[in-house]
Amino acid sequence: MVPISDNNLQSLSSWQHIRAPYNMGYRIKLLSQILYRRLSERLEPFGLTPFHWVVLCCLWEKDGLPTSSIGDKLQQVGGTLTGVLDRMEERGLIRRERDSKDRRIWRIWLTESGKKLESTIPAIVTELREETWSGVSHQERELFSQILNRAIANLSP
């Protein structure tokens, strides 16, 4: 066993900020997991997952998007998105149609059931957001968002 010297203690404490569970990356991952779990619990009565939520958001913003555009917007690989879209179609939330000008392209359209969720689900997500950021000012939220965007941009291809 190696004795712990003052030099070793200084070295350990200088690494504290990058070691789990103290480093920022770990804490961001933990926050993401907790948010995912809480959102899943709230969406479950509707037969939805957090991934369904983000796809619905894309389509509420602009219906009839090509599958590739949804994947690009959400930074998802095709296979993952295809399975999610399959389940959403099975639940009657979306329908797929070939593009009239390019048969290689599938466009995703909301059904009436998918459209109706826009009057319910955003309020549930807003409630969770407010719980999450309770005691955090609007300015602090905005700064945190800007910092995250910059970090994502720094690491994105």
C-alpha atoms as a PDB file:
ATOM      1  CA  MET A   1       0.000   0.000   0.000  1.00  0.00           C
ATOM      2  CA  VAL A   2       1.343   3.423  -1.025  1.00  0.00           C
ATOM      3  CA  PRO A   3       1.220   6.014   1.753  1.00  0.00           C
ATOM      4  CA  ILE A   4      -0.801   9.130   0.966  1.00  0.00           C
ATOM      5  CA  SER A   5       1.415  12.179   0.953  1.00  0.00           C
ATOM      6  CA  ASP A   6       0.465  15.846   0.811  1.00  0.00           C
ATOM      7  CA  ASN A   7       1.522  15.807  -2.837  1.00  0.00           C
ATOM      8  CA  ASN A   8      -0.832  12.856  -3.567  1.00  0.00           C
ATOM      9  CA  LEU A   9      -3.711  14.606  -1.792  1.00  0.00           C
ATOM     10  CA  GLN A  10      -3.111  17.778  -3.823  1.00  0.00           C
ATOM     11  CA  SER A  11      -3.052  15.735  -7.008  1.00  0.00           C
ATOM     12  CA  LEU A  12      -6.319  13.970  -6.117  1.00  0.00           C
ATOM     13  CA  SER A  13      -8.070  17.212  -5.226  1.00  0.00           C
ATOM     14  CA  SER A  14      -6.915  18.851  -8.476  1.00  0.00           C
ATOM     15  CA  TRP A  15      -8.650  16.057 -10.405  1.00  0.00           C
ATOM     16  CA  GLN A  16     -11.860  16.297  -8.360  1.00  0.00           C
ATOM     17  CA  HIS A  17     -13.636  18.478 -10.939  1.00  0.00           C
ATOM     18  CA  ILE A  18     -13.226  15.881 -13.711  1.00  0.00           C
ATOM     19  CA  ARG A  19     -13.962  12.732 -11.698  1.00  0.00           C
ATOM     20  CA  ALA A  20     -17.446  11.233 -11.614  1.00  0.00           C
ATOM     21  CA  PRO A  21     -19.766  11.980  -9.905  1.00  0.00           C
ATOM     22  CA  TYR A  22     -18.422  15.524  -9.575  1.00  0.00           C
ATOM     23  CA  ASN A  23     -17.728  16.442 -13.190  1.00  0.00           C
ATOM     24  CA  MET A  24     -20.174  18.432 -15.246  1.00  0.00           C
ATOM     25  CA  GLY A  25     -20.587  15.783 -17.954  1.00  0.00           C
ATOM     26  CA  TYR A  26     -21.672  13.212 -15.404  1.00  0.00           C
ATOM     27  CA  ARG A  27     -24.124  15.645 -13.810  1.00  0.00           C
ATOM     28  CA  ILE A  28     -25.587  16.587 -17.208  1.00  0.00           C
ATOM     29  CA  LYS A  29     -26.030  12.877 -17.953  1.00  0.00           C
ATOM     30  CA  LEU A  30     -27.696  12.375 -14.562  1.00  0.00           C
ATOM     31  CA  LEU A  31     -30.046  15.312 -15.182  1.00  0.00           C
ATOM     32  CA  SER A  32     -30.869  13.890 -18.617  1.00  0.00           C
ATOM     33  CA  GLN A  33     -31.667  10.466 -17.159  1.00  0.00           C
ATOM     34  CA  ILE A  34     -33.868  11.920 -14.420  1.00  0.00           C
ATOM     35  CA  LEU A  35     -35.723  14.136 -16.905  1.00  0.00           C
ATOM     36  CA  TYR A  36     -36.164  11.193 -19.282  1.00  0.00           C
ATOM     37  CA  ARG A  37     -37.587   9.052 -16.469  1.00  0.00           C
ATOM     38  CA  ARG A  38     -39.971  11.769 -15.250  1.00  0.00           C
ATOM     39  CA  LEU A  39     -41.132  12.619 -18.758  1.00  0.00           C
ATOM     40  CA  SER A  40     -41.655   8.911 -19.505  1.00  0.00           C
ATOM     41  CA  GLU A  41     -43.867   8.604 -16.423  1.00  0.00           C
ATOM     42  CA  ARG A  42     -45.996  11.554 -17.520  1.00  0.00           C
ATOM     43  CA  LEU A  43     -46.309  10.441 -21.148  1.00  0.00           C
ATOM     44  CA  GLU A  44     -47.009   6.771 -20.363  1.00  0.00           C
ATOM     45  CA  PRO A  45     -50.794   7.262 -19.877  1.00  0.00           C
ATOM     46  CA  PHE A  46     -50.890   8.539 -23.470  1.00  0.00           C
ATOM     47  CA  GLY A  47     -48.866   5.594 -24.796  1.00  0.00           C
ATOM     48  CA  LEU A  48     -46.005   7.927 -25.661  1.00  0.00           C
ATOM     49  CA  THR A  49     -42.276   8.034 -25.011  1.00  0.00           C
ATOM     50  CA  PRO A  50     -39.964  11.056 -24.849  1.00  0.00           C
ATOM     51  CA  PHE A  51     -38.794  10.211 -28.375  1.00  0.00           C
ATOM     52  CA  HIS A  52     -42.410  10.294 -29.586  1.00  0.00           C
ATOM     53  CA  TRP A  53     -42.675  13.742 -27.973  1.00  0.00           C
ATOM     54  CA  VAL A  54     -39.746  15.173 -29.951  1.00  0.00           C
ATOM     55  CA  VAL A  55     -41.024  13.690 -33.228  1.00  0.00           C
ATOM     56  CA  LEU A  56     -44.470  15.136 -32.550  1.00  0.00           C
ATOM     57  CA  CYS A  57     -42.871  18.540 -31.887  1.00  0.00           C
ATOM     58  CA  CYS A  58     -41.173  18.437 -35.293  1.00  0.00           C
ATOM     59  CA  LEU A  59     -44.454  17.586 -37.005  1.00  0.00           C
ATOM     60  CA  TRP A  60     -46.522  20.126 -35.055  1.00  0.00           C
ATOM     61  CA  GLU A  61     -44.023  22.715 -36.268  1.00  0.00           C
ATOM     62  CA  LYS A  62     -44.168  21.500 -39.910  1.00  0.00           C
ATOM     63  CA  ASP A  63     -46.322  18.566 -40.921  1.00  0.00           C
ATOM     64  CA  GLY A  64     -45.354  16.339 -43.848  1.00  0.00           C
ATOM     65  CA  LEU A  65     -41.604  16.369 -43.249  1.00  0.00           C
ATOM     66  CA  PRO A  66     -39.425  13.791 -44.986  1.00  0.00           C
ATOM     67  CA  THR A  67     -38.101  11.138 -42.623  1.00  0.00           C
ATOM     68  CA  SER A  68     -34.558  12.327 -43.305  1.00  0.00           C
ATOM     69  CA  SER A  69     -35.429  15.879 -42.215  1.00  0.00           C
ATOM     70  CA  ILE A  70     -36.809  14.629 -38.905  1.00  0.00           C
ATOM     71  CA  GLY A  71     -33.667  12.553 -38.387  1.00  0.00           C
ATOM     72  CA  ASP A  72     -31.425  15.514 -39.208  1.00  0.00           C
ATOM     73  CA  LYS A  73     -33.346  17.828 -36.910  1.00  0.00           C
ATOM     74  CA  LEU A  74     -33.170  15.353 -34.025  1.00  0.00           C
ATOM     75  CA  GLN A  75     -29.658  14.145 -34.904  1.00  0.00           C
ATOM     76  CA  GLN A  76     -30.854  10.540 -35.023  1.00  0.00           C
ATOM     77  CA  VAL A  77     -29.725   7.632 -37.127  1.00  0.00           C
ATOM     78  CA  GLY A  78     -32.217   6.115 -39.554  1.00  0.00           C
ATOM     79  CA  GLY A  79     -32.753   2.748 -37.856  1.00  0.00           C
ATOM     80  CA  THR A  80     -33.624   4.302 -34.511  1.00  0.00           C
ATOM     81  CA  LEU A  81     -36.044   6.768 -36.063  1.00  0.00           C
ATOM     82  CA  THR A  82     -37.631   4.129 -38.297  1.00  0.00           C
ATOM     83  CA  GLY A  83     -38.588   2.001 -35.293  1.00  0.00           C
ATOM     84  CA  VAL A  84     -40.051   4.999 -33.476  1.00  0.00           C
ATOM     85  CA  LEU A  85     -42.053   5.980 -36.551  1.00  0.00           C
ATOM     86  CA  ASP A  86     -43.270   2.365 -36.898  1.00  0.00           C
ATOM     87  CA  ARG A  87     -44.644   2.451 -33.348  1.00  0.00           C
ATOM     88  CA  MET A  88     -46.195   5.886 -33.845  1.00  0.00           C
ATOM     89  CA  GLU A  89     -47.892   4.664 -37.000  1.00  0.00           C
ATOM     90  CA  GLU A  90     -49.175   1.554 -35.174  1.00  0.00           C
ATOM     91  CA  ARG A  91     -50.671   3.846 -32.511  1.00  0.00           C
ATOM     92  CA  GLY A  92     -52.391   5.898 -35.196  1.00  0.00           C
ATOM     93  CA  LEU A  93     -50.414   9.104 -34.524  1.00  0.00           C
ATOM     94  CA  ILE A  94     -48.788   9.450 -37.945  1.00  0.00           C
ATOM     95  CA  ARG A  95     -49.092   8.172 -41.478  1.00  0.00           C
ATOM     96  CA  ARG A  96     -46.372   7.754 -44.085  1.00  0.00           C
ATOM     97  CA  GLU A  97     -46.734   8.684 -47.718  1.00  0.00           C
ATOM     98  CA  ARG A  98     -44.323   8.552 -50.612  1.00  0.00           C
ATOM     99  CA  ASP A  99     -43.312  11.955 -51.914  1.00  0.00           C
ATOM    100  CA  SER A 100     -45.210  12.705 -55.125  1.00  0.00           C
ATOM    101  CA  LYS A 101     -42.071  14.032 -56.858  1.00  0.00           C
ATOM    102  CA  ASP A 102     -39.466  11.604 -55.516  1.00  0.00           C
ATOM    103  CA  ARG A 103     -40.661   8.082 -54.686  1.00  0.00           C
ATOM    104  CA  ARG A 104     -37.506   7.418 -52.633  1.00  0.00           C
ATOM    105  CA  ILE A 105     -38.673   9.919 -50.012  1.00  0.00           C
ATOM    106  CA  TRP A 106     -41.195   9.071 -47.321  1.00  0.00           C
ATOM    107  CA  ARG A 107     -43.096  12.017 -45.843  1.00  0.00           C
ATOM    108  CA  ILE A 108     -44.528  11.829 -42.339  1.00  0.00           C
ATOM    109  CA  TRP A 109     -47.940  13.318 -41.665  1.00  0.00           C
ATOM    110  CA  LEU A 110     -49.837  13.669 -38.411  1.00  0.00           C
ATOM    111  CA  THR A 111     -53.189  11.929 -38.116  1.00  0.00           C
ATOM    112  CA  GLU A 112     -56.061  13.600 -36.283  1.00  0.00           C
ATOM    113  CA  SER A 113     -54.990  11.722 -33.141  1.00  0.00           C
ATOM    114  CA  GLY A 114     -51.464  13.084 -33.475  1.00  0.00           C
ATOM    115  CA  LYS A 115     -52.762  16.601 -34.028  1.00  0.00           C
ATOM    116  CA  LYS A 116     -55.067  16.426 -30.991  1.00  0.00           C
ATOM    117  CA  LEU A 117     -52.144  15.660 -28.683  1.00  0.00           C
ATOM    118  CA  GLU A 118     -50.845  19.189 -29.302  1.00  0.00           C
ATOM    119  CA  SER A 119     -53.619  20.489 -27.052  1.00  0.00           C
ATOM    120  CA  THR A 120     -52.532  18.259 -24.138  1.00  0.00           C
ATOM    121  CA  ILE A 121     -48.892  17.161 -24.160  1.00  0.00           C
ATOM    122  CA  PRO A 122     -47.114  20.545 -24.288  1.00  0.00           C
ATOM    123  CA  ALA A 123     -48.780  21.568 -21.005  1.00  0.00           C
ATOM    124  CA  ILE A 124     -47.500  18.375 -19.357  1.00  0.00           C
ATOM    125  CA  VAL A 125     -43.971  19.037 -20.583  1.00  0.00           C
ATOM    126  CA  THR A 126     -44.195  22.687 -19.512  1.00  0.00           C
ATOM    127  CA  GLU A 127     -45.185  21.584 -16.006  1.00  0.00           C
ATOM    128  CA  LEU A 128     -42.145  19.301 -15.820  1.00  0.00           C
ATOM    129  CA  ARG A 129     -39.901  22.083 -17.127  1.00  0.00           C
ATOM    130  CA  GLU A 130     -41.166  24.428 -14.415  1.00  0.00           C
ATOM    131  CA  GLU A 131     -40.559  21.792 -11.720  1.00  0.00           C
ATOM    132  CA  THR A 132     -37.060  21.218 -13.060  1.00  0.00           C
ATOM    133  CA  TRP A 133     -36.102  24.885 -13.118  1.00  0.00           C
ATOM    134  CA  SER A 134     -37.887  25.973  -9.939  1.00  0.00           C
ATOM    135  CA  GLY A 135     -35.769  28.650  -8.270  1.00  0.00           C
ATOM    136  CA  VAL A 136     -33.706  29.252 -11.409  1.00  0.00           C
ATOM    137  CA  SER A 137     -34.272  32.665 -12.999  1.00  0.00           C
ATOM    138  CA  HIS A 138     -35.186  33.105 -16.650  1.00  0.00           C
ATOM    139  CA  GLN A 139     -31.776  34.703 -17.255  1.00  0.00           C
ATOM    140  CA  GLU A 140     -29.980  31.740 -15.663  1.00  0.00           C
ATOM    141  CA  ARG A 141     -32.017  29.304 -17.756  1.00  0.00           C
ATOM    142  CA  GLU A 142     -31.167  31.214 -20.910  1.00  0.00           C
ATOM    143  CA  LEU A 143     -27.455  31.337 -20.039  1.00  0.00           C
ATOM    144  CA  PHE A 144     -27.419  27.591 -19.289  1.00  0.00           C
ATOM    145  CA  SER A 145     -29.107  26.904 -22.623  1.00  0.00           C
ATOM    146  CA  GLN A 146     -26.583  29.055 -24.488  1.00  0.00           C
ATOM    147  CA  ILE A 147     -23.671  27.322 -22.761  1.00  0.00           C
ATOM    148  CA  LEU A 148     -25.077  23.871 -23.611  1.00  0.00           C
ATOM    149  CA  ASN A 149     -25.587  24.918 -27.235  1.00  0.00           C
ATOM    150  CA  ARG A 150     -21.990  26.103 -27.429  1.00  0.00           C
ATOM    151  CA  ALA A 151     -20.658  22.860 -25.895  1.00  0.00           C
ATOM    152  CA  ILE A 152     -22.767  20.780 -28.312  1.00  0.00           C
ATOM    153  CA  ALA A 153     -21.513  22.851 -31.260  1.00  0.00           C
ATOM    154  CA  ASN A 154     -17.912  22.445 -30.052  1.00  0.00           C
ATOM    155  CA  LEU A 155     -18.216  18.658 -30.094  1.00  0.00           C
ATOM    156  CA  SER A 156     -20.448  18.230 -33.163  1.00  0.00           C
ATOM    157  CA  PRO A 157     -18.937  17.156 -36.486  1.00  0.00           C
END
